[in-house]
């Protein structure tokens, strides 16, 4: 009878090296097939994705040009007050109609014929030369150009400055393909994770598979939360910080769609990776490399490492670095609590499984 306890309790779960390779081959084939199918579906919705990921940029550009328009409006009023000039009626009408922050001013050369037609259509939105009205204008001609100031409301339809640009003929097509590939990866990721889990689970003991069941959804949730925080919150601060330099330098932004798509992918992925910190801490504690006591005693070193990670995983602006630094510091405290309160599995003999 005692000899039966010499048998490996997990002998039935063991696989040969060749069986592991075959399991890996099947997992890779199924993962690639899922990525291909996901990308094909992504081709249908890629255009909507490209439009969607431009929303933070468009909102930041709208705020930038609103601030610029309001500053120009107030500056013009101040200059006219100093010089003793009266404010043109068309400027007052446009300010009442659109509001100071919605008002956009543009200087343009236009023929008198076009000006006459514009005044007939929207007399409040268009501006004749200072001190002139439509009745004072000479008879319109096709070749006579005069300088005028246009006032209109800031909107994507009316203002091309709010749109991204492409510099190469093939650029929109490549952006569409890249968006389809990214969308395909997102669609296929649950299936790919499942196939990878199948391969990993085949090489684990039954008591070890329990941790994978806990870690996998927890890791995915942290990644999605970090990426969502970066896209919906951090982007606004980053863009306002970067656009402030355009105003300071007197340069109007002309965002390129390829560069913006690449930028959109970097920051959320960096936040998603950084948010895996509690799981990394729990893993290191469970395998015995670090302990809760070590995490507590060396928190200063941890803060230094978090600072370096925040610098490496974010663009070169202090807002996103501060956001990631604060988030990872909170997650570091959460990792300590996770190590303390997440129960260890007990065997039937009363031993603790690491």
Protein backbone atom coordinates (compact mmCIF):
# COMPACT_ATOMS: atom_id res chain seq x y z
CA UNK A 1 0.00 0.00 0.00
CA UNK A 2 2.70 2.61 0.81
CA UNK A 3 4.19 2.18 -2.67
CA UNK A 4 1.16 3.81 -4.28
CA UNK A 5 2.14 7.16 -2.78
CA UNK A 6 5.42 7.10 -4.67
CA UNK A 7 3.48 7.66 -7.90
CA UNK A 8 3.52 11.20 -9.28
CA UNK A 9 0.08 12.69 -8.54
CA UNK A 10 0.27 14.74 -11.76
CA UNK A 11 1.70 12.01 -14.00
CA UNK A 12 -1.45 11.93 -16.13
CA UNK A 13 -1.12 15.64 -16.90
CA UNK A 14 2.40 15.38 -18.33
CA UNK A 15 3.08 15.84 -22.08
CA UNK A 16 6.09 14.95 -24.17
CA UNK A 17 8.17 17.60 -25.94
CA UNK A 18 6.71 16.57 -29.29
CA UNK A 19 3.17 16.88 -27.93
CA UNK A 20 3.98 20.39 -26.68
CA UNK A 21 5.23 21.39 -30.14
CA UNK A 22 2.11 20.00 -31.77
CA UNK A 23 -0.07 21.89 -29.28
CA UNK A 24 1.90 25.07 -30.01
CA UNK A 25 1.46 24.60 -33.77
CA UNK A 26 -2.31 24.21 -33.40
CA UNK A 27 -2.54 27.27 -31.16
CA UNK A 28 -0.54 29.40 -33.60
CA UNK A 29 -2.62 28.30 -36.59
CA UNK A 30 -5.88 29.08 -34.80
CA UNK A 31 -4.51 32.43 -33.58
CA UNK A 32 -3.42 33.48 -37.08
CA UNK A 33 -6.79 32.41 -38.49
CA UNK A 34 -8.57 34.51 -35.83
CA UNK A 35 -6.37 37.53 -36.69
CA UNK A 36 -7.11 37.16 -40.41
CA UNK A 37 -10.86 36.92 -39.84
CA UNK A 38 -10.73 39.83 -37.40
CA UNK A 39 -8.84 41.97 -39.92
CA UNK A 40 -11.39 41.17 -42.64
CA UNK A 41 -14.14 42.37 -40.32
CA UNK A 42 -11.97 45.37 -39.43
CA UNK A 43 -11.81 46.41 -43.09
CA UNK A 44 -15.55 47.10 -42.93
CA UNK A 45 -15.34 49.35 -39.87
CA UNK A 46 -11.88 50.86 -40.39
CA UNK A 47 -13.24 54.14 -41.72
CA UNK A 48 -15.42 54.61 -38.65
CA UNK A 49 -12.45 53.82 -36.42
CA UNK A 50 -10.29 56.45 -38.11
CA UNK A 51 -13.06 59.02 -37.66
CA UNK A 52 -13.54 58.01 -34.03
CA UNK A 53 -9.87 58.24 -33.00
CA UNK A 54 -9.74 61.78 -34.39
CA UNK A 55 -12.36 63.04 -31.92
CA UNK A 56 -9.86 64.01 -29.16
CA UNK A 57 -7.73 65.86 -31.72
CA UNK A 58 -10.72 67.71 -33.18
CA UNK A 59 -11.93 68.73 -29.73
CA UNK A 60 -8.47 70.05 -28.82
CA UNK A 61 -8.19 71.96 -32.11
CA UNK A 62 -11.63 73.51 -31.58
CA UNK A 63 -10.60 74.73 -28.13
CA UNK A 64 -7.29 76.02 -29.53
CA UNK A 65 -8.91 78.08 -32.29
CA UNK A 66 -11.69 79.28 -29.98
CA UNK A 67 -9.10 80.65 -27.57
CA UNK A 68 -7.22 82.17 -30.50
CA UNK A 69 -10.38 83.76 -31.93
CA UNK A 70 -11.44 85.20 -28.58
CA UNK A 71 -7.96 86.64 -28.04
CA UNK A 72 -7.97 88.24 -31.50
CA UNK A 73 -11.45 89.65 -30.93
CA UNK A 74 -10.54 91.23 -27.60
CA UNK A 75 -7.26 92.52 -29.02
CA UNK A 76 -9.08 94.17 -31.92
CA UNK A 77 -11.57 95.83 -29.57
CA UNK A 78 -8.69 97.10 -27.46
CA UNK A 79 -6.82 98.49 -30.46
CA UNK A 80 -9.93 100.26 -31.76
CA UNK A 81 -10.61 101.72 -28.34
CA UNK A 82 -7.04 103.06 -28.09
CA UNK A 83 -7.14 104.53 -31.60
CA UNK A 84 -10.63 105.94 -31.10
CA UNK A 85 -12.12 103.93 -33.97
CA UNK A 86 -15.62 102.58 -33.77
CA UNK A 87 -16.34 98.87 -33.89
CA UNK A 88 -17.78 97.90 -37.31
CA UNK A 89 -21.42 96.91 -37.29
CA UNK A 90 -20.67 93.62 -39.01
CA UNK A 91 -18.19 92.66 -36.24
CA UNK A 92 -20.77 93.43 -33.56
CA UNK A 93 -23.41 91.45 -35.44
CA UNK A 94 -21.08 88.46 -35.90
CA UNK A 95 -20.09 88.53 -32.20
CA UNK A 96 -23.76 88.60 -31.15
CA UNK A 97 -24.63 85.83 -33.59
CA UNK A 98 -21.76 83.40 -32.91
CA UNK A 99 -20.34 84.48 -29.53
CA UNK A 100 -16.82 85.69 -28.86
CA UNK A 101 -15.29 82.18 -28.52
CA UNK A 102 -17.08 80.84 -31.59
CA UNK A 103 -16.02 83.76 -33.76
CA UNK A 104 -13.28 83.16 -36.35
CA UNK A 105 -11.63 86.02 -38.18
CA UNK A 106 -9.97 85.55 -41.56
CA UNK A 107 -8.38 88.12 -43.88
CA UNK A 108 -8.88 87.38 -47.57
CA UNK A 109 -8.65 88.94 -51.03
CA UNK A 110 -11.97 88.71 -52.84
CA UNK A 111 -13.50 90.19 -55.98
CA UNK A 112 -16.20 92.78 -55.56
CA UNK A 113 -18.63 90.53 -57.42
CA UNK A 114 -18.10 87.71 -54.90
CA UNK A 115 -18.34 90.17 -52.04
CA UNK A 116 -21.65 91.53 -53.31
CA UNK A 117 -23.07 88.01 -53.58
CA UNK A 118 -21.86 87.14 -50.08
CA UNK A 119 -23.37 90.26 -48.58
CA UNK A 120 -26.69 89.47 -50.24
CA UNK A 121 -26.69 85.97 -48.72
CA UNK A 122 -25.37 86.52 -45.17
CA UNK A 123 -24.91 90.18 -44.34
CA UNK A 124 -24.20 89.47 -40.66
CA UNK A 125 -21.51 86.85 -41.19
CA UNK A 126 -19.48 88.61 -43.85
CA UNK A 127 -17.49 91.79 -43.44
CA UNK A 128 -17.14 94.60 -45.91
CA UNK A 129 -14.06 96.81 -45.76
CA UNK A 130 -14.01 98.90 -42.61
CA UNK A 131 -16.36 101.86 -42.85
CA UNK A 132 -18.08 100.61 -46.01
CA UNK A 133 -21.51 99.07 -46.56
CA UNK A 134 -22.96 97.27 -49.54
CA UNK A 135 -24.52 100.51 -50.77
CA UNK A 136 -21.13 102.29 -50.70
CA UNK A 137 -19.40 99.69 -52.90
CA UNK A 138 -18.67 100.51 -56.55
CA UNK A 139 -20.22 98.43 -59.26
CA UNK A 140 -18.74 94.89 -58.98
CA UNK A 141 -16.20 93.64 -61.49
CA UNK A 142 -14.62 90.25 -62.01
CA UNK A 143 -10.96 91.30 -61.82
CA UNK A 144 -10.94 93.95 -59.09
CA UNK A 145 -9.75 92.31 -55.81
CA UNK A 146 -10.10 94.02 -52.45
CA UNK A 147 -8.96 92.97 -48.94
CA UNK A 148 -11.80 92.07 -46.59
CA UNK A 149 -12.21 90.44 -43.19
CA UNK A 150 -14.52 87.45 -42.89
CA UNK A 151 -16.21 86.49 -39.63
CA UNK A 152 -17.78 83.06 -39.31
CA UNK A 153 -18.54 80.38 -36.75
CA UNK A 154 -15.93 77.76 -35.96
CA UNK A 155 -17.02 74.34 -37.23
CA UNK A 156 -15.44 71.36 -38.93
CA UNK A 157 -17.58 71.86 -42.02
CA UNK A 158 -16.57 75.51 -42.48
CA UNK A 159 -13.00 75.51 -41.19
CA UNK A 160 -10.46 73.21 -42.90
CA UNK A 161 -7.98 73.82 -40.09
CA UNK A 162 -9.89 71.31 -37.96
CA UNK A 163 -9.23 68.45 -40.40
CA UNK A 164 -6.20 66.20 -40.54
CA UNK A 165 -4.11 66.13 -43.71
CA UNK A 166 -2.32 63.52 -45.82
CA UNK A 167 0.90 64.30 -47.70
CA UNK A 168 1.17 61.21 -49.91
CA UNK A 169 -1.24 59.70 -52.40
CA UNK A 170 -1.10 56.29 -50.71
CA UNK A 171 -1.34 57.63 -47.16
CA UNK A 172 -5.16 57.36 -46.69
CA UNK A 173 -5.09 53.80 -48.02
CA UNK A 174 -2.27 52.80 -45.64
CA UNK A 175 -4.06 54.44 -42.71
CA UNK A 176 -7.21 52.49 -43.60
CA UNK A 177 -5.22 49.23 -43.64
CA UNK A 178 -3.49 50.04 -40.35
CA UNK A 179 -6.82 50.85 -38.71
CA UNK A 180 -8.29 47.58 -40.04
CA UNK A 181 -5.31 45.65 -38.66
CA UNK A 182 -5.60 47.28 -35.24
CA UNK A 183 -9.33 46.66 -35.18
CA UNK A 184 -8.73 43.07 -36.28
CA UNK A 185 -6.32 42.54 -33.39
CA UNK A 186 -8.88 43.91 -30.94
CA UNK A 187 -11.64 41.70 -32.35
CA UNK A 188 -9.45 38.60 -32.40
CA UNK A 189 -7.74 39.21 -29.04
CA UNK A 190 -10.25 37.22 -26.89
CA UNK A 191 -9.86 34.22 -29.18
CA UNK A 192 -6.07 34.59 -29.34
CA UNK A 193 -5.88 34.80 -25.54
CA UNK A 194 -8.03 31.68 -25.31
CA UNK A 195 -5.85 29.73 -27.75
CA UNK A 196 -2.70 30.83 -25.93
CA UNK A 197 -4.30 29.82 -22.67
CA UNK A 198 -5.07 26.38 -24.12
CA UNK A 199 -1.39 25.93 -24.94
CA UNK A 200 -0.17 27.21 -21.57
CA UNK A 201 -2.73 25.19 -19.63
CA UNK A 202 -1.56 22.01 -21.32
CA UNK A 203 1.83 22.40 -19.59
CA UNK A 204 0.51 23.33 -16.14
CA UNK A 205 -0.48 21.24 -13.18
CA UNK A 206 -4.17 21.41 -12.22
CA UNK A 207 -3.51 23.57 -9.13
CA UNK A 208 -1.48 26.02 -11.27
CA UNK A 209 -4.26 26.57 -13.79
CA UNK A 210 -6.35 28.24 -11.09
CA UNK A 211 -4.08 31.29 -11.11
CA UNK A 212 -4.33 31.65 -14.87
CA UNK A 213 -8.11 31.74 -14.61
CA UNK A 214 -7.75 34.65 -12.17
CA UNK A 215 -4.86 36.48 -13.82
CA UNK A 216 -6.09 36.46 -17.42
CA UNK A 217 -9.38 38.41 -17.01
CA UNK A 218 -7.77 40.64 -14.37
CA UNK A 219 -4.89 41.46 -16.73
CA UNK A 220 -7.24 42.15 -19.65
CA UNK A 221 -9.42 44.41 -17.48
CA UNK A 222 -6.41 46.42 -16.26
CA UNK A 223 -5.13 46.82 -19.82
CA UNK A 224 -8.49 48.05 -21.13
CA UNK A 225 -8.91 50.41 -18.17
CA UNK A 226 -5.44 51.90 -18.71
CA UNK A 227 -5.95 52.30 -22.45
CA UNK A 228 -9.40 53.86 -21.92
CA UNK A 229 -8.03 56.31 -19.35
CA UNK A 230 -5.33 57.39 -21.80
CA UNK A 231 -7.73 57.86 -24.72
CA UNK A 232 -10.65 59.55 -22.99
CA UNK A 233 -8.84 61.57 -20.30
CA UNK A 234 -5.09 61.91 -20.76
CA UNK A 235 -5.25 62.77 -24.47
CA UNK A 236 -7.03 66.06 -23.75
CA UNK A 237 -4.28 67.26 -21.42
CA UNK A 238 -1.51 66.08 -23.75
CA UNK A 239 -3.01 67.79 -26.79
CA UNK A 240 -3.68 71.06 -24.98
CA UNK A 241 -0.10 71.06 -23.74
CA UNK A 242 1.32 70.46 -27.23
CA UNK A 243 -1.01 72.96 -28.91
CA UNK A 244 -0.01 75.61 -26.38
CA UNK A 245 3.45 75.61 -27.97
CA UNK A 246 1.89 76.27 -31.38
CA UNK A 247 0.22 79.38 -30.02
CA UNK A 248 3.39 80.42 -28.21
CA UNK A 249 5.47 80.01 -31.37
CA UNK A 250 2.83 81.61 -33.61
CA UNK A 251 2.44 78.49 -35.76
CA UNK A 252 -0.87 77.03 -36.87
CA UNK A 253 -1.07 73.23 -36.47
CA UNK A 254 -1.64 70.99 -39.50
CA UNK A 255 -1.92 67.47 -38.00
CA UNK A 256 -1.02 64.60 -40.31
CA UNK A 257 -3.29 61.57 -40.14
CA UNK A 258 -0.46 58.99 -40.19
CA UNK A 259 1.39 60.63 -37.32
CA UNK A 260 -1.83 60.97 -35.34
CA UNK A 261 -2.76 57.30 -35.77
CA UNK A 262 0.72 56.27 -34.61
CA UNK A 263 0.44 58.62 -31.64
CA UNK A 264 -2.98 57.25 -30.71
CA UNK A 265 -1.55 53.73 -30.59
CA UNK A 266 1.49 54.60 -28.43
CA UNK A 267 -0.05 56.29 -25.40
CA UNK A 268 -2.99 53.89 -24.70
CA UNK A 269 -0.76 50.85 -25.17
CA UNK A 270 1.80 52.38 -22.79
CA UNK A 271 -0.88 52.96 -20.16
CA UNK A 272 -2.29 49.46 -20.69
CA UNK A 273 1.13 47.88 -20.14
CA UNK A 274 1.85 50.08 -17.13
CA UNK A 275 -1.41 49.05 -15.48
CA UNK A 276 -0.18 45.44 -15.27
CA UNK A 277 1.93 46.47 -12.24
CA UNK A 278 -0.26 44.85 -9.52
CA UNK A 279 -0.19 41.50 -11.32
CA UNK A 280 3.58 41.66 -11.74
CA UNK A 281 3.93 42.41 -8.03
CA UNK A 282 1.64 39.51 -7.11
CA UNK A 283 3.53 37.15 -9.41
CA UNK A 284 6.92 38.09 -7.95
CA UNK A 285 5.54 37.70 -4.43
CA UNK A 286 3.96 34.31 -5.13
CA UNK A 287 7.15 32.79 -6.62
CA UNK A 288 9.19 34.07 -3.67
CA UNK A 289 11.40 36.66 -5.35
CA UNK A 290 9.93 39.59 -3.40
CA UNK A 291 7.71 39.88 -0.34
CA UNK A 292 5.16 42.31 1.03
CA UNK A 293 7.76 43.44 3.56
CA UNK A 294 10.18 44.20 0.73
CA UNK A 295 7.53 46.20 -1.15
CA UNK A 296 6.87 48.28 1.97
CA UNK A 297 10.49 48.87 2.93
CA UNK A 298 11.72 49.85 -0.55
CA UNK A 299 8.84 52.07 -1.64
CA UNK A 300 11.27 54.90 -2.42
CA UNK A 301 13.06 52.75 -4.97
CA UNK A 302 9.67 51.73 -6.37
CA UNK A 303 8.71 55.39 -6.80
CA UNK A 304 11.97 55.99 -8.68
CA UNK A 305 11.30 53.01 -10.99
CA UNK A 306 7.72 54.23 -11.55
CA UNK A 307 9.08 57.65 -12.51
CA UNK A 308 11.36 56.08 -15.12
CA UNK A 309 8.53 53.92 -16.48
CA UNK A 310 6.26 56.96 -16.70
CA UNK A 311 8.91 58.73 -18.76
CA UNK A 312 9.49 55.77 -21.11
CA UNK A 313 5.85 54.79 -21.69
CA UNK A 314 4.50 58.28 -22.46
CA UNK A 315 5.24 61.05 -24.99
CA UNK A 316 7.48 63.97 -24.06
CA UNK A 317 4.95 66.01 -22.08
CA UNK A 318 4.63 66.37 -18.34
CA UNK A 319 0.85 65.91 -18.15
CA UNK A 320 0.82 62.31 -19.39
CA UNK A 321 3.88 61.53 -17.25
CA UNK A 322 2.16 62.89 -14.14
CA UNK A 323 -1.04 60.97 -14.93
CA UNK A 324 0.86 57.70 -15.36
CA UNK A 325 3.04 58.37 -12.30
CA UNK A 326 0.02 58.96 -10.06
CA UNK A 327 -1.84 55.98 -11.53
CA UNK A 328 1.11 53.59 -11.10
CA UNK A 329 1.76 54.84 -7.57
CA UNK A 330 -1.85 54.06 -6.65
CA UNK A 331 -1.56 50.68 -8.39
CA UNK A 332 1.64 49.96 -6.45
CA UNK A 333 -0.30 50.38 -3.21
CA UNK A 334 -3.04 48.22 -4.70
CA UNK A 335 -0.47 45.56 -5.55
CA UNK A 336 0.67 45.43 -1.92
CA UNK A 337 -2.94 45.01 -0.77
CA UNK A 338 -3.46 42.33 -3.42
CA UNK A 339 -0.47 40.37 -2.15
CA UNK A 340 -1.70 40.70 1.45
CA UNK A 341 -5.34 39.77 1.03
CA UNK A 342 -5.43 37.43 -1.97
CA UNK A 343 -5.65 33.97 -0.33
CA UNK A 344 -3.19 31.23 -1.10
CA UNK A 345 -4.49 27.84 -2.07
CA UNK A 346 -4.32 25.21 0.69
CA UNK A 347 -3.75 21.53 -0.02
CA UNK A 348 -5.62 18.75 1.73
CA UNK A 349 -2.54 18.25 3.95
CA UNK A 350 -2.71 21.85 5.23
CA UNK A 351 0.24 23.07 3.19
CA UNK A 352 0.20 26.36 1.27
CA UNK A 353 0.74 26.19 -2.46
CA UNK A 354 3.00 28.95 -3.73
